[in-house]
Amino acid sequence: MPKPTKSIIATAYHEAGHAVIAYLEDLVLREVSIVPTSDTLGHCRYAQAHHFNPEARVTPAMRARIEAHIMGSLAGPEAERRYRAAITTRAHSLTAP
């Protein structure tokens, strides 16, 4: 098996960030993949798609669900950012005198 590139590892961290929050917030994922497609490097697919209705009354439960989805959306880029910062810091410490 070939060694994964830094880009593939970063994609794995990114998708794992989405998946971890989905798990912690009880959001059901149908699929998580780091296999590139024509327009993505990876993806997470939720089991149910909820459609936004601006006329709907927002209940506390609905607000919590919306916040969980927002956290899940932000978790992927944050996990990838932390991975990239860690490898940059590690590379810098290896080259420092």
N, C-alpha and C. Protein backbone atom coordinates (compact mmCIF):
# COMPACT_ATOMS: atom_id res chain seq x y z
N MET A 1 0.85 -1.18 0.00
CA MET A 1 0.00 0.00 0.00
C MET A 1 0.90 1.24 0.00
N PRO A 2 0.65 2.18 -0.91
CA PRO A 2 1.47 3.38 -0.95
C PRO A 2 1.22 4.28 0.27
N LYS A 3 2.25 5.02 0.66
CA LYS A 3 2.14 5.94 1.79
C LYS A 3 1.20 7.09 1.42
N PRO A 4 0.23 7.40 2.30
CA PRO A 4 -0.69 8.51 1.99
C PRO A 4 0.04 9.85 1.97
N THR A 5 -0.40 10.72 1.09
CA THR A 5 0.19 12.05 1.00
C THR A 5 -0.34 12.93 2.13
N LYS A 6 0.33 14.06 2.36
CA LYS A 6 -0.14 15.01 3.38
C LYS A 6 -1.54 15.52 3.03
N SER A 7 -1.82 15.67 1.75
CA SER A 7 -3.14 16.13 1.32
C SER A 7 -4.23 15.12 1.67
N ILE A 8 -3.96 13.83 1.46
CA ILE A 8 -4.94 12.80 1.80
C ILE A 8 -5.14 12.73 3.31
N ILE A 9 -4.06 12.85 4.05
CA ILE A 9 -4.17 12.84 5.52
C ILE A 9 -4.96 14.05 6.00
N ALA A 10 -4.70 15.22 5.41
CA ALA A 10 -5.45 16.43 5.78
C ALA A 10 -6.94 16.25 5.47
N THR A 11 -7.25 15.64 4.34
CA THR A 11 -8.65 15.36 4.00
C THR A 11 -9.27 14.41 5.01
N ALA A 12 -8.51 13.42 5.45
CA ALA A 12 -9.02 12.47 6.45
C ALA A 12 -9.33 13.19 7.77
N TYR A 13 -8.43 14.07 8.19
CA TYR A 13 -8.69 14.85 9.41
C TYR A 13 -9.94 15.72 9.23
N HIS A 14 -10.06 16.35 8.06
CA HIS A 14 -11.19 17.22 7.77
C HIS A 14 -12.51 16.44 7.89
N GLU A 15 -12.59 15.32 7.20
CA GLU A 15 -13.83 14.53 7.23
C GLU A 15 -14.07 13.92 8.61
N ALA A 16 -12.99 13.54 9.29
CA ALA A 16 -13.13 13.01 10.66
C ALA A 16 -13.68 14.07 11.60
N GLY A 17 -13.28 15.33 11.40
CA GLY A 17 -13.82 16.42 12.22
C GLY A 17 -15.33 16.50 12.09
N HIS A 18 -15.82 16.44 10.85
CA HIS A 18 -17.27 16.43 10.63
C HIS A 18 -17.91 15.22 11.32
N ALA A 19 -17.30 14.05 11.14
CA ALA A 19 -17.87 12.80 11.66
C ALA A 19 -17.90 12.75 13.18
N VAL A 20 -16.87 13.26 13.82
CA VAL A 20 -16.82 13.24 15.29
C VAL A 20 -17.95 14.09 15.88
N ILE A 21 -18.13 15.29 15.35
CA ILE A 21 -19.22 16.14 15.85
C ILE A 21 -20.57 15.51 15.54
N ALA A 22 -20.71 14.92 14.37
CA ALA A 22 -21.97 14.24 14.04
C ALA A 22 -22.26 13.15 15.08
N TYR A 23 -21.25 12.38 15.43
CA TYR A 23 -21.42 11.33 16.44
C TYR A 23 -21.79 11.92 17.80
N LEU A 24 -21.05 12.95 18.23
CA LEU A 24 -21.29 13.55 19.55
C LEU A 24 -22.66 14.23 19.63
N GLU A 25 -23.14 14.73 18.51
CA GLU A 25 -24.42 15.45 18.50
C GLU A 25 -25.59 14.59 18.01
N ASP A 26 -25.36 13.28 17.88
CA ASP A 26 -26.40 12.34 17.44
C ASP A 26 -26.96 12.67 16.06
N LEU A 27 -26.10 13.15 15.18
CA LEU A 27 -26.49 13.36 13.79
C LEU A 27 -26.10 12.09 13.04
N VAL A 28 -27.03 11.49 12.35
CA VAL A 28 -26.79 10.21 11.70
C VAL A 28 -26.12 10.42 10.34
N LEU A 29 -24.93 9.85 10.19
CA LEU A 29 -24.22 9.91 8.92
C LEU A 29 -24.50 8.65 8.12
N ARG A 30 -24.70 8.82 6.85
CA ARG A 30 -24.89 7.69 5.95
C ARG A 30 -23.55 7.22 5.39
N GLU A 31 -22.65 8.19 5.16
CA GLU A 31 -21.38 7.85 4.54
C GLU A 31 -20.33 8.91 4.85
N VAL A 32 -19.10 8.47 5.07
CA VAL A 32 -17.94 9.36 5.20
C VAL A 32 -16.87 8.79 4.28
N SER A 33 -16.29 9.64 3.45
CA SER A 33 -15.31 9.15 2.49
C SER A 33 -14.19 10.16 2.28
N ILE A 34 -12.98 9.64 2.04
CA ILE A 34 -11.86 10.50 1.63
C ILE A 34 -11.46 10.18 0.20
N VAL A 35 -12.33 9.47 -0.50
CA VAL A 35 -12.10 9.18 -1.91
C VAL A 35 -12.52 10.40 -2.72
N PRO A 36 -11.59 10.99 -3.49
CA PRO A 36 -11.94 12.19 -4.26
C PRO A 36 -12.99 11.90 -5.34
N THR A 37 -13.83 12.89 -5.57
CA THR A 37 -14.77 12.85 -6.69
C THR A 37 -14.40 14.00 -7.63
N SER A 38 -15.23 14.25 -8.61
CA SER A 38 -14.92 15.31 -9.57
C SER A 38 -14.92 16.69 -8.93
N ASP A 39 -15.65 16.87 -7.81
CA ASP A 39 -15.72 18.20 -7.21
C ASP A 39 -15.39 18.27 -5.72
N THR A 40 -15.00 17.15 -5.11
CA THR A 40 -14.62 17.17 -3.69
C THR A 40 -13.41 16.27 -3.44
N LEU A 41 -12.73 16.53 -2.34
CA LEU A 41 -11.64 15.65 -1.91
C LEU A 41 -12.14 14.57 -0.97
N GLY A 42 -13.33 14.77 -0.43
CA GLY A 42 -13.96 13.83 0.48
C GLY A 42 -15.34 14.37 0.83
N HIS A 43 -16.10 13.61 1.58
CA HIS A 43 -17.43 14.09 1.96
C HIS A 43 -18.02 13.30 3.12
N CYS A 44 -18.99 13.93 3.77
CA CYS A 44 -19.84 13.30 4.78
C CYS A 44 -21.27 13.48 4.30
N ARG A 45 -22.02 12.40 4.30
CA ARG A 45 -23.43 12.48 3.89
C ARG A 45 -24.30 12.09 5.07
N TYR A 46 -25.24 12.95 5.35
CA TYR A 46 -26.17 12.70 6.45
C TYR A 46 -27.30 11.81 6.00
N ALA A 47 -27.86 11.04 6.93
CA ALA A 47 -28.93 10.10 6.63
C ALA A 47 -30.21 10.83 6.22
N GLN A 48 -30.48 11.97 6.84
CA GLN A 48 -31.69 12.71 6.52
C GLN A 48 -31.33 14.14 6.17
N ALA A 49 -31.91 14.61 5.10
CA ALA A 49 -31.71 16.00 4.73
C ALA A 49 -32.88 16.81 5.29
N HIS A 50 -32.55 17.87 6.01
CA HIS A 50 -33.59 18.75 6.54
C HIS A 50 -33.60 20.01 5.69
N HIS A 51 -34.77 20.41 5.30
CA HIS A 51 -34.91 21.58 4.46
C HIS A 51 -35.25 22.79 5.31
N PHE A 52 -34.60 23.89 5.02
CA PHE A 52 -34.83 25.11 5.78
C PHE A 52 -36.13 25.77 5.34
N ASN A 53 -36.95 26.10 6.30
CA ASN A 53 -38.20 26.80 6.04
C ASN A 53 -38.18 28.07 6.87
N PRO A 54 -37.96 29.23 6.24
CA PRO A 54 -37.86 30.47 7.00
C PRO A 54 -39.15 30.85 7.73
N GLU A 55 -40.26 30.24 7.35
CA GLU A 55 -41.55 30.54 7.99
C GLU A 55 -41.80 29.67 9.22
N ALA A 56 -41.01 28.64 9.40
CA ALA A 56 -41.23 27.71 10.51
C ALA A 56 -40.87 28.37 11.84
N ARG A 57 -41.64 28.02 12.86
CA ARG A 57 -41.35 28.48 14.20
C ARG A 57 -40.17 27.66 14.73
N VAL A 58 -39.18 28.33 15.26
CA VAL A 58 -37.98 27.65 15.74
C VAL A 58 -38.17 27.25 17.20
N THR A 59 -38.25 25.95 17.41
CA THR A 59 -38.40 25.41 18.76
C THR A 59 -37.01 25.24 19.37
N PRO A 60 -36.90 25.08 20.68
CA PRO A 60 -35.60 24.82 21.28
C PRO A 60 -34.90 23.58 20.69
N ALA A 61 -35.67 22.54 20.41
CA ALA A 61 -35.08 21.33 19.82
C ALA A 61 -34.55 21.61 18.42
N MET A 62 -35.32 22.39 17.65
CA MET A 62 -34.88 22.73 16.30
C MET A 62 -33.63 23.60 16.35
N ARG A 63 -33.59 24.52 17.27
CA ARG A 63 -32.41 25.38 17.41
C ARG A 63 -31.18 24.54 17.76
N ALA A 64 -31.34 23.58 18.67
CA ALA A 64 -30.23 22.71 19.05
C ALA A 64 -29.75 21.90 17.84
N ARG A 65 -30.68 21.43 17.01
CA ARG A 65 -30.32 20.66 15.82
C ARG A 65 -29.58 21.53 14.81
N ILE A 66 -30.04 22.77 14.63
CA ILE A 66 -29.37 23.71 13.72
C ILE A 66 -27.96 23.99 14.22
N GLU A 67 -27.82 24.23 15.52
CA GLU A 67 -26.50 24.48 16.09
C GLU A 67 -25.58 23.27 15.94
N ALA A 68 -26.12 22.06 16.08
CA ALA A 68 -25.32 20.84 15.89
C ALA A 68 -24.81 20.76 14.46
N HIS A 69 -25.66 21.08 13.50
CA HIS A 69 -25.24 21.06 12.09
C HIS A 69 -24.19 22.14 11.80
N ILE A 70 -24.34 23.29 12.42
CA ILE A 70 -23.34 24.36 12.24
C ILE A 70 -22.00 23.91 12.82
N MET A 71 -22.02 23.34 14.02
CA MET A 71 -20.77 22.84 14.62
C MET A 71 -20.15 21.76 13.75
N GLY A 72 -20.97 20.88 13.21
CA GLY A 72 -20.46 19.83 12.32
C GLY A 72 -19.83 20.41 11.07
N SER A 73 -20.43 21.45 10.54
CA SER A 73 -19.88 22.10 9.34
C SER A 73 -18.53 22.75 9.62
N LEU A 74 -18.40 23.35 10.80
CA LEU A 74 -17.16 24.04 11.15
C LEU A 74 -16.07 23.09 11.63
N ALA A 75 -16.44 21.91 12.10
CA ALA A 75 -15.47 20.98 12.68
C ALA A 75 -14.48 20.43 11.66
N GLY A 76 -14.91 20.22 10.43
CA GLY A 76 -14.02 19.69 9.41
C GLY A 76 -12.85 20.61 9.13
N PRO A 77 -13.11 21.87 8.75
CA PRO A 77 -12.00 22.79 8.51
C PRO A 77 -11.13 23.00 9.74
N GLU A 78 -11.71 23.01 10.92
CA GLU A 78 -10.93 23.21 12.15
C GLU A 78 -9.99 22.02 12.41
N ALA A 79 -10.49 20.81 12.22
CA ALA A 79 -9.64 19.62 12.41
C ALA A 79 -8.49 19.63 11.40
N GLU A 80 -8.80 19.98 10.17
CA GLU A 80 -7.75 20.06 9.14
C GLU A 80 -6.74 21.15 9.47
N ARG A 81 -7.21 22.29 9.96
CA ARG A 81 -6.32 23.40 10.32
C ARG A 81 -5.36 22.97 11.43
N ARG A 82 -5.89 22.27 12.42
CA ARG A 82 -5.05 21.81 13.53
C ARG A 82 -4.01 20.79 13.05
N TYR A 83 -4.40 19.91 12.16
CA TYR A 83 -3.44 18.94 11.60
C TYR A 83 -2.34 19.69 10.85
N ARG A 84 -2.72 20.61 9.98
CA ARG A 84 -1.71 21.34 9.19
C ARG A 84 -0.80 22.17 10.10
N ALA A 85 -1.35 22.76 11.15
CA ALA A 85 -0.52 23.53 12.09
C ALA A 85 0.46 22.61 12.81
N ALA A 86 0.02 21.42 13.15
CA ALA A 86 0.88 20.47 13.86
C ALA A 86 2.04 20.02 12.97
N ILE A 87 1.77 19.75 11.69
CA ILE A 87 2.87 19.30 10.82
C ILE A 87 3.81 20.46 10.50
N THR A 88 3.28 21.68 10.42
CA THR A 88 4.13 22.85 10.18
C THR A 88 5.03 23.10 11.39
N THR A 89 4.47 23.01 12.59
CA THR A 89 5.23 23.20 13.82
C THR A 89 6.30 22.11 13.95
N ARG A 90 5.92 20.88 13.65
CA ARG A 90 6.86 19.76 13.74
C ARG A 90 8.01 19.94 12.73
N ALA A 91 7.68 20.36 11.51
CA ALA A 91 8.73 20.57 10.49
C ALA A 91 9.64 21.71 10.90
N HIS A 92 9.08 22.76 11.48
CA HIS A 92 9.88 23.90 11.91
C HIS A 92 10.83 23.49 13.03
N SER A 93 10.34 22.69 13.96
CA SER A 93 11.20 22.27 15.09
C SER A 93 12.34 21.36 14.63
N LEU A 94 12.11 20.62 13.54
CA LEU A 94 13.15 19.75 13.01
C LEU A 94 14.26 20.55 12.30
N THR A 95 13.89 21.71 11.74
CA THR A 95 14.88 22.51 11.01
C THR A 95 15.49 23.62 11.84
N ALA A 96 14.93 23.87 13.03
CA ALA A 96 15.47 24.94 13.89
C ALA A 96 16.84 24.53 14.43
N PRO A 97 17.75 25.52 14.58
CA PRO A 97 19.10 25.20 15.09
C PRO A 97 19.12 24.76 16.54
